[in-house]
């Protein structure tokens, strides 16, 4: 405990000295998130300075080994780092599917050469990744995917289509599930490959959502050459990699429901819109709902921390990731419903400087997609029923 206290003091001192004031302000839109990549344009000098300083400390991926760009921190130290960042309102220096999803998969299944080639650029924010999983006829039933990958001797050739590929039009590389064998069960014959989005034959077409904006794309592959060194894990056993990665994707989506570190607390937003009477939120019904949501968020945060500590100790998240994904999704939807209630008519503004171009309304609509992405809520409930609750007939 004394070592952790010393570490906390060191982190606090370093953050106070090195986190720019601009990077301590609440996020107001997508431009405030740093995604990195070959074509990323920093929105300010402070955004670049903050990323560079965190990269130098290895704190963009604090628990990764140092040889892959991390700091080799323990889970307990990582929690302290996050708490100290939240204390001063420090923004995350880097948003990355490479960190949240691909990184854990490569750490477990990748060769040493693959780790050294791909992980340090992820940690430094030099390469932006997207995920090629869902297809028009393979969404929740992902194992039905049909994107074809043929062995051409010294390389693979990929043909097919993916859909709901987040930020495919902005990504540098893609981690992709492909069909390498059609002769066995549908979960067999799937492989996990990596390739550059600038490879000839790759095309990404944006899809618009009800929010008026969208990170999603349709992605098409026509005779795309993939080097064999970019096969992750065993050929035809990519489903093992896919399942492991999905646990981290669901954890990431579920984490969106956590209220801590996402700007002002709900009760402050509500108070600013509706006012205070006798030291309390003026609307008693909304006050009750906000208190309930913040209590549930605290319980959820503790559960997430416990599950991640278990995973760090070697336990598999397994079906627990579906539980975290489902509850985090519902909590995130509740959060935005309450913010819409709290802001009243102002929350419905769609295009104005005052509303930051309708950020709240668009974000509220975007949360509806949380119930679909990463596996629908219905699929998650089935998994929870069968593997956690062990209900009869599930």
Protein backbone atom coordinates (compact mmCIF):
# COMPACT_ATOMS: atom_id res chain seq x y z
CA UNK A 1 0.00 0.00 0.00
CA UNK A 2 2.87 2.39 0.75
CA UNK A 3 4.23 1.78 -2.76
CA UNK A 4 0.83 2.56 -4.27
CA UNK A 5 0.52 5.73 -2.21
CA UNK A 6 3.94 6.82 -3.43
CA UNK A 7 2.94 6.02 -7.00
CA UNK A 8 -0.30 8.02 -6.62
CA UNK A 9 1.64 11.02 -5.36
CA UNK A 10 4.08 10.73 -8.25
CA UNK A 11 1.25 10.49 -10.79
CA UNK A 12 -0.57 13.45 -9.29
CA UNK A 13 2.53 15.62 -9.37
CA UNK A 14 3.36 14.62 -12.95
CA UNK A 15 -0.18 15.22 -14.24
CA UNK A 16 -0.38 18.64 -12.59
CA UNK A 17 2.88 19.63 -14.26
CA UNK A 18 2.33 18.05 -17.68
CA UNK A 19 -1.38 18.00 -18.57
CA UNK A 20 -2.16 21.21 -20.50
CA UNK A 21 -5.07 23.26 -19.16
CA UNK A 22 -6.88 22.90 -22.49
CA UNK A 23 -6.78 19.11 -22.07
CA UNK A 24 -8.61 19.42 -18.72
CA UNK A 25 -11.76 20.90 -20.21
CA UNK A 26 -14.88 18.74 -20.85
CA UNK A 27 -15.09 17.14 -24.30
CA UNK A 28 -17.58 19.04 -26.44
CA UNK A 29 -17.41 17.06 -29.69
CA UNK A 30 -15.56 14.56 -31.85
CA UNK A 31 -12.81 17.06 -32.57
CA UNK A 32 -11.79 16.93 -28.91
CA UNK A 33 -10.96 13.21 -29.22
CA UNK A 34 -7.53 12.33 -30.58
CA UNK A 35 -7.72 9.22 -32.80
CA UNK A 36 -4.22 9.45 -34.25
CA UNK A 37 -3.20 7.76 -37.48
CA UNK A 38 -1.27 8.65 -40.61
CA UNK A 39 -3.73 11.36 -41.65
CA UNK A 40 -4.68 12.73 -38.23
CA UNK A 41 -4.65 16.53 -37.89
CA UNK A 42 -4.25 17.73 -34.33
CA UNK A 43 -6.93 20.21 -33.30
CA UNK A 44 -4.50 22.22 -31.19
CA UNK A 45 -0.90 22.32 -30.02
CA UNK A 46 -2.12 21.21 -26.59
CA UNK A 47 -3.67 18.04 -28.02
CA UNK A 48 -0.36 17.07 -29.62
CA UNK A 49 1.69 18.00 -26.54
CA UNK A 50 -0.59 15.91 -24.31
CA UNK A 51 -0.30 12.86 -26.57
CA UNK A 52 3.48 13.20 -26.91
CA UNK A 53 3.97 13.46 -23.15
CA UNK A 54 1.74 10.48 -22.37
CA UNK A 55 3.42 8.40 -25.09
CA UNK A 56 6.81 9.18 -23.57
CA UNK A 57 5.57 7.85 -20.21
CA UNK A 58 4.01 4.76 -21.81
CA UNK A 59 0.68 5.85 -20.36
CA UNK A 60 -1.44 5.61 -23.51
CA UNK A 61 -1.29 1.84 -22.87
CA UNK A 62 -0.09 1.75 -19.25
CA UNK A 63 -0.33 -2.00 -18.62
CA UNK A 64 1.32 -3.07 -21.88
CA UNK A 65 4.95 -4.23 -21.60
CA UNK A 66 7.53 -1.50 -22.17
CA UNK A 67 8.91 -3.19 -25.28
CA UNK A 68 5.53 -2.67 -26.97
CA UNK A 69 5.13 0.98 -26.02
CA UNK A 70 3.54 0.60 -22.59
CA UNK A 71 4.71 1.31 -19.06
CA UNK A 72 4.35 -2.17 -17.56
CA UNK A 73 2.04 -0.91 -14.81
CA UNK A 74 0.02 -3.23 -12.63
CA UNK A 75 -3.77 -3.15 -12.70
CA UNK A 76 -3.77 -1.33 -9.35
CA UNK A 77 -1.39 1.31 -10.72
CA UNK A 78 -3.52 1.72 -13.84
CA UNK A 79 -6.59 2.36 -11.68
CA UNK A 80 -4.67 5.02 -9.77
CA UNK A 81 -3.59 6.67 -13.02
CA UNK A 82 -7.19 6.78 -14.27
CA UNK A 83 -8.46 8.17 -10.97
CA UNK A 84 -5.82 10.89 -10.91
CA UNK A 85 -6.65 11.82 -14.51
CA UNK A 86 -10.35 11.97 -13.64
CA UNK A 87 -9.57 14.11 -10.58
CA UNK A 88 -8.27 16.95 -12.76
CA UNK A 89 -10.62 16.23 -15.66
CA UNK A 90 -7.78 15.15 -17.95
CA UNK A 91 -8.91 13.89 -21.32
CA UNK A 92 -7.72 10.56 -22.62
CA UNK A 93 -4.71 11.34 -24.81
CA UNK A 94 -5.66 8.76 -27.45
CA UNK A 95 -8.81 6.97 -28.63
CA UNK A 96 -7.99 3.79 -30.52
CA UNK A 97 -9.54 0.48 -31.56
CA UNK A 98 -5.93 -0.65 -31.70
CA UNK A 99 -5.69 -0.11 -27.94
CA UNK A 100 -9.14 -1.32 -26.93
CA UNK A 101 -9.47 -4.39 -29.17
CA UNK A 102 -6.58 -5.36 -31.43
CA UNK A 103 -3.88 -4.81 -28.81
CA UNK A 104 -5.21 -7.37 -26.30
CA UNK A 105 -5.72 -9.90 -29.13
CA UNK A 106 -2.16 -9.46 -30.43
CA UNK A 107 -0.73 -9.68 -26.93
CA UNK A 108 -2.41 -13.07 -26.55
CA UNK A 109 -2.28 -14.56 -30.06
CA UNK A 110 0.29 -12.58 -32.02
CA UNK A 111 3.84 -13.62 -32.83
CA UNK A 112 6.69 -11.61 -31.38
CA UNK A 113 7.31 -10.12 -34.82
CA UNK A 114 3.65 -9.04 -35.09
CA UNK A 115 3.70 -7.49 -31.64
CA UNK A 116 6.86 -5.50 -32.34
CA UNK A 117 5.59 -4.38 -35.75
CA UNK A 118 2.09 -3.29 -34.78
CA UNK A 119 1.83 -2.53 -31.05
CA UNK A 120 4.35 0.34 -30.64
CA UNK A 121 2.76 2.36 -33.51
CA UNK A 122 -0.65 1.82 -31.85
CA UNK A 123 0.71 3.07 -28.52
CA UNK A 124 2.19 6.15 -30.23
CA UNK A 125 -1.00 6.92 -32.14
CA UNK A 126 0.71 6.52 -35.50
CA UNK A 127 -1.67 3.92 -37.00
CA UNK A 128 -5.46 4.03 -36.77
CA UNK A 129 -7.29 0.69 -36.95
CA UNK A 130 -10.81 -0.41 -37.87
CA UNK A 131 -12.59 -3.74 -37.38
CA UNK A 132 -13.84 -5.94 -40.23
CA UNK A 133 -16.34 -8.30 -38.58
CA UNK A 134 -20.03 -7.86 -39.50
CA UNK A 135 -21.34 -8.57 -43.00
CA UNK A 136 -24.75 -7.96 -44.62
CA UNK A 137 -25.75 -11.58 -43.87
CA UNK A 138 -23.58 -12.10 -40.80
CA UNK A 139 -24.33 -9.69 -37.98
CA UNK A 140 -25.34 -11.29 -34.69
CA UNK A 141 -24.66 -14.64 -36.39
CA UNK A 142 -21.10 -13.58 -37.10
CA UNK A 143 -19.85 -17.11 -37.75
CA UNK A 144 -21.88 -17.12 -40.99
CA UNK A 145 -19.43 -14.64 -42.52
CA UNK A 146 -18.58 -15.26 -46.17
CA UNK A 147 -15.73 -12.88 -47.05
CA UNK A 148 -13.44 -15.21 -48.97
CA UNK A 149 -9.70 -15.58 -48.40
CA UNK A 150 -7.83 -17.75 -50.92
CA UNK A 151 -4.31 -19.11 -50.55
CA UNK A 152 -2.27 -17.88 -53.53
CA UNK A 153 1.01 -19.50 -52.51
CA UNK A 154 3.08 -16.62 -51.17
CA UNK A 155 0.08 -14.50 -50.15
CA UNK A 156 -3.69 -14.53 -49.51
CA UNK A 157 -6.35 -12.96 -51.77
CA UNK A 158 -9.43 -11.48 -50.09
CA UNK A 159 -12.82 -10.82 -51.73
CA UNK A 160 -16.08 -9.84 -50.04
CA UNK A 161 -17.87 -7.16 -48.06
CA UNK A 162 -18.10 -5.90 -44.48
CA UNK A 163 -20.69 -3.54 -43.00
CA UNK A 164 -20.90 -1.26 -39.94
CA UNK A 165 -17.12 -0.87 -40.14
CA UNK A 166 -16.54 2.03 -37.75
CA UNK A 167 -14.30 4.77 -39.20
CA UNK A 168 -13.19 2.58 -42.11
CA UNK A 169 -12.97 5.72 -44.25
CA UNK A 170 -10.43 7.19 -41.82
CA UNK A 171 -8.51 4.09 -40.72
CA UNK A 172 -5.02 3.11 -41.87
CA UNK A 173 -5.27 -0.66 -41.22
CA UNK A 174 -8.01 -3.20 -40.61
CA UNK A 175 -8.18 -6.37 -38.51
CA UNK A 176 -10.51 -8.64 -40.40
CA UNK A 177 -12.28 -11.99 -40.15
CA UNK A 178 -12.23 -13.98 -43.38
CA UNK A 179 -13.36 -17.41 -44.57
CA UNK A 180 -10.40 -19.68 -45.39
CA UNK A 181 -12.30 -23.02 -45.41
CA UNK A 182 -15.94 -23.83 -46.26
CA UNK A 183 -15.85 -27.57 -45.66
CA UNK A 184 -16.52 -27.77 -41.91
CA UNK A 185 -18.77 -26.19 -39.30
CA UNK A 186 -19.33 -22.47 -39.74
CA UNK A 187 -17.23 -21.58 -36.67
CA UNK A 188 -14.31 -23.43 -38.27
CA UNK A 189 -12.46 -22.25 -41.35
CA UNK A 190 -12.37 -18.62 -40.18
CA UNK A 191 -9.06 -16.76 -40.03
CA UNK A 192 -7.98 -13.43 -38.53
CA UNK A 193 -5.86 -11.24 -40.81
CA UNK A 194 -4.43 -7.72 -40.85
CA UNK A 195 -3.94 -5.47 -43.86
CA UNK A 196 -3.44 -1.87 -44.92
CA UNK A 197 -6.58 0.02 -46.00
CA UNK A 198 -4.58 1.59 -48.84
CA UNK A 199 -4.07 -1.84 -50.41
CA UNK A 200 -5.48 -1.87 -53.97
CA UNK A 201 -9.02 -3.29 -54.03
CA UNK A 202 -10.18 -1.82 -50.67
CA UNK A 203 -13.09 0.66 -50.75
CA UNK A 204 -14.99 2.24 -47.83
CA UNK A 205 -18.39 3.94 -48.25
CA UNK A 206 -19.88 5.91 -45.30
CA UNK A 207 -23.37 5.08 -43.95
CA UNK A 208 -25.56 7.84 -42.44
CA UNK A 209 -27.56 7.20 -39.25
CA UNK A 210 -30.65 8.88 -37.76
CA UNK A 211 -28.36 11.25 -35.86
CA UNK A 212 -27.41 12.78 -39.20
CA UNK A 213 -23.86 11.55 -38.80
CA UNK A 214 -22.18 8.21 -38.59
CA UNK A 215 -18.82 6.57 -37.97
CA UNK A 216 -19.99 3.52 -39.94
CA UNK A 217 -19.08 2.38 -43.43
CA UNK A 218 -19.66 -0.41 -45.91
CA UNK A 219 -16.28 -1.85 -46.82
CA UNK A 220 -15.60 -3.76 -50.04
CA UNK A 221 -12.67 -6.02 -50.90
CA UNK A 222 -11.83 -6.96 -54.48
CA UNK A 223 -8.73 -9.12 -55.03
CA UNK A 224 -7.01 -7.61 -51.98
CA UNK A 225 -3.51 -8.98 -51.44
CA UNK A 226 -2.72 -9.90 -47.82
CA UNK A 227 0.76 -10.99 -46.78
CA UNK A 228 0.83 -14.33 -44.96
CA UNK A 229 2.88 -12.82 -42.14
CA UNK A 230 -0.30 -10.89 -41.25
CA UNK A 231 -2.28 -14.00 -40.28
CA UNK A 232 -2.86 -13.78 -36.51
CA UNK A 233 -3.08 -17.07 -34.65
CA UNK A 234 -3.66 -20.37 -36.41
CA UNK A 235 -5.18 -20.55 -39.88
CA UNK A 236 -8.85 -21.65 -39.77
CA UNK A 237 -8.90 -20.98 -36.00
CA UNK A 238 -9.58 -17.26 -36.20
CA UNK A 239 -12.81 -17.76 -34.24
CA UNK A 240 -10.67 -18.19 -31.12
CA UNK A 241 -9.13 -14.76 -31.73
CA UNK A 242 -12.50 -13.28 -32.64
CA UNK A 243 -14.18 -14.44 -29.43
CA UNK A 244 -11.35 -13.11 -27.30
CA UNK A 245 -11.43 -9.76 -29.07
CA UNK A 246 -15.21 -9.53 -28.73
CA UNK A 247 -14.92 -9.69 -24.94
CA UNK A 248 -12.79 -6.52 -25.10
CA UNK A 249 -15.12 -4.85 -27.61
CA UNK A 250 -18.11 -5.51 -25.37
CA UNK A 251 -16.16 -4.25 -22.37
CA UNK A 252 -15.37 -1.07 -24.35
CA UNK A 253 -19.01 -0.53 -25.38
CA UNK A 254 -20.23 -1.30 -21.89
CA UNK A 255 -17.76 1.23 -20.51
CA UNK A 256 -19.62 3.98 -22.37
CA UNK A 257 -22.31 3.65 -19.73
CA UNK A 258 -20.00 4.78 -16.96
CA UNK A 259 -20.79 8.37 -16.03
CA UNK A 260 -17.46 9.16 -14.40
CA UNK A 261 -15.07 11.12 -16.59
CA UNK A 262 -17.71 11.97 -19.22
CA UNK A 263 -18.02 15.69 -18.58
CA UNK A 264 -20.18 17.25 -15.88
CA UNK A 265 -22.11 14.89 -13.55
CA UNK A 266 -25.77 14.35 -14.34
CA UNK A 267 -26.95 16.23 -11.25
CA UNK A 268 -24.93 19.30 -12.29
CA UNK A 269 -26.39 19.25 -15.80
CA UNK A 270 -29.90 18.94 -14.41
CA UNK A 271 -29.33 21.68 -11.84
CA UNK A 272 -28.00 24.02 -14.50
CA UNK A 273 -31.14 23.54 -16.59
CA UNK A 274 -33.87 23.26 -13.96
CA UNK A 275 -32.45 25.16 -11.01
CA UNK A 276 -32.05 24.45 -7.30
CA UNK A 277 -34.65 24.82 -4.55
CA UNK A 278 -33.63 24.48 -0.89
CA UNK A 279 -30.34 22.95 -2.00
CA UNK A 280 -32.06 20.29 -4.10
CA UNK A 281 -32.84 19.79 -7.77
CA UNK A 282 -36.13 21.56 -8.40
CA UNK A 283 -37.82 18.62 -10.14
CA UNK A 284 -38.29 15.85 -7.51
CA UNK A 285 -39.10 13.11 -10.05
CA UNK A 286 -36.00 13.84 -12.10
CA UNK A 287 -33.95 14.19 -8.91
CA UNK A 288 -34.88 10.64 -7.97
CA UNK A 289 -34.01 9.29 -11.42
CA UNK A 290 -30.64 11.08 -11.47
CA UNK A 291 -29.75 9.77 -7.99
CA UNK A 292 -30.70 6.23 -9.03
CA UNK A 293 -28.59 6.46 -12.21
CA UNK A 294 -25.54 7.76 -10.33
CA UNK A 295 -25.84 5.02 -7.69
CA UNK A 296 -26.16 2.39 -10.44
CA UNK A 297 -23.14 3.88 -12.17
CA UNK A 298 -21.08 3.55 -9.00
CA UNK A 299 -22.09 -0.10 -8.62
CA UNK A 300 -21.33 -0.74 -12.29
CA UNK A 301 -17.90 0.91 -11.98
CA UNK A 302 -17.03 -1.35 -9.05
CA UNK A 303 -18.16 -4.41 -11.00
CA UNK A 304 -16.06 -3.42 -14.01
CA UNK A 305 -13.01 -2.88 -11.81
CA UNK A 306 -13.52 -6.26 -10.14
CA UNK A 307 -13.90 -8.11 -13.44
CA UNK A 308 -10.84 -6.41 -14.95
CA UNK A 309 -8.80 -7.28 -11.87
CA UNK A 310 -9.89 -10.91 -12.26
CA UNK A 311 -8.92 -10.83 -15.94
CA UNK A 312 -5.53 -9.34 -15.08
CA UNK A 313 -5.03 -12.22 -12.64
CA UNK A 314 -5.56 -14.69 -15.47
CA UNK A 315 -9.29 -15.36 -15.33
CA UNK A 316 -11.29 -15.26 -18.56
CA UNK A 317 -14.05 -12.66 -18.83
CA UNK A 318 -16.05 -15.05 -21.00
CA UNK A 319 -19.78 -14.50 -20.67
CA UNK A 320 -19.18 -11.75 -18.11
CA UNK A 321 -18.28 -9.46 -21.00
CA UNK A 322 -21.86 -9.85 -22.27
CA UNK A 323 -23.16 -8.82 -18.86
CA UNK A 324 -20.96 -5.72 -18.82
CA UNK A 325 -21.86 -4.87 -22.40
CA UNK A 326 -25.61 -5.21 -21.82
CA UNK A 327 -25.76 -3.25 -18.58
CA UNK A 328 -23.34 -0.58 -19.79
CA UNK A 329 -25.48 -0.14 -22.90
CA UNK A 330 -28.65 0.32 -20.86
CA UNK A 331 -26.93 2.71 -18.44
CA UNK A 332 -25.61 4.80 -21.33
CA UNK A 333 -29.08 5.04 -22.87
CA UNK A 334 -30.56 6.03 -19.49
CA UNK A 335 -27.87 8.68 -19.05
CA UNK A 336 -28.74 10.40 -22.31
CA UNK A 337 -32.48 10.08 -21.75
CA UNK A 338 -32.02 11.87 -18.42
CA UNK A 339 -29.88 14.58 -20.00
CA UNK A 340 -32.58 15.14 -22.61
CA UNK A 341 -35.18 15.35 -19.83
CA UNK A 342 -33.03 17.75 -17.85
CA UNK A 343 -32.32 20.15 -20.71
CA UNK A 344 -35.91 20.26 -21.98
CA UNK A 345 -36.49 22.08 -25.27
CA UNK A 346 -32.84 23.17 -25.38
CA UNK A 347 -31.82 19.54 -25.74
CA UNK A 348 -33.69 19.31 -29.02
CA UNK A 349 -31.58 21.93 -30.78
CA UNK A 350 -30.14 20.38 -33.91
CA UNK A 351 -28.02 23.01 -35.65
CA UNK A 352 -26.73 25.95 -33.62
CA UNK A 353 -23.55 27.26 -32.07
CA UNK A 354 -25.18 27.27 -28.64
CA UNK A 355 -25.88 23.53 -28.83
CA UNK A 356 -22.52 22.71 -30.42
CA UNK A 357 -24.35 21.69 -33.58
CA UNK A 358 -26.89 19.57 -31.71
CA UNK A 359 -24.33 17.48 -29.86
CA UNK A 360 -26.68 16.28 -27.12
CA UNK A 361 -29.57 15.37 -29.42
CA UNK A 362 -27.29 13.60 -31.86
CA UNK A 363 -25.53 11.72 -29.04
CA UNK A 364 -28.90 10.68 -27.60
CA UNK A 365 -29.93 9.22 -30.96
CA UNK A 366 -26.53 7.56 -31.35
CA UNK A 367 -26.97 5.61 -28.09
CA UNK A 368 -29.73 3.58 -29.74
CA UNK A 369 -27.01 1.86 -31.77
CA UNK A 370 -25.36 0.60 -28.57
CA UNK A 371 -28.07 -2.07 -28.39
CA UNK A 372 -26.95 -3.46 -31.76
CA UNK A 373 -23.18 -3.03 -32.09
CA UNK A 374 -20.86 -5.58 -30.54
CA UNK A 375 -23.70 -8.12 -30.50
CA UNK A 376 -27.35 -7.18 -30.02
CA UNK A 377 -28.84 -6.89 -26.54
CA UNK A 378 -31.01 -9.93 -27.29
CA UNK A 379 -27.91 -12.00 -28.05
CA UNK A 380 -26.21 -10.77 -24.86
CA UNK A 381 -29.27 -11.71 -22.77
CA UNK A 382 -29.25 -15.20 -24.30
CA UNK A 383 -25.57 -15.60 -23.41
CA UNK A 384 -26.20 -14.36 -19.85
CA UNK A 385 -29.18 -16.71 -19.46
CA UNK A 386 -27.23 -19.74 -20.67
CA UNK A 387 -23.71 -19.22 -19.35
CA UNK A 388 -24.15 -17.12 -16.21
CA UNK A 389 -27.64 -17.81 -14.88
CA UNK A 390 -27.68 -21.33 -16.38
CA UNK A 391 -31.42 -21.15 -16.86
CA UNK A 392 -33.12 -24.34 -18.04
CA UNK A 393 -33.77 -24.40 -21.77
CA UNK A 394 -31.55 -21.37 -22.39
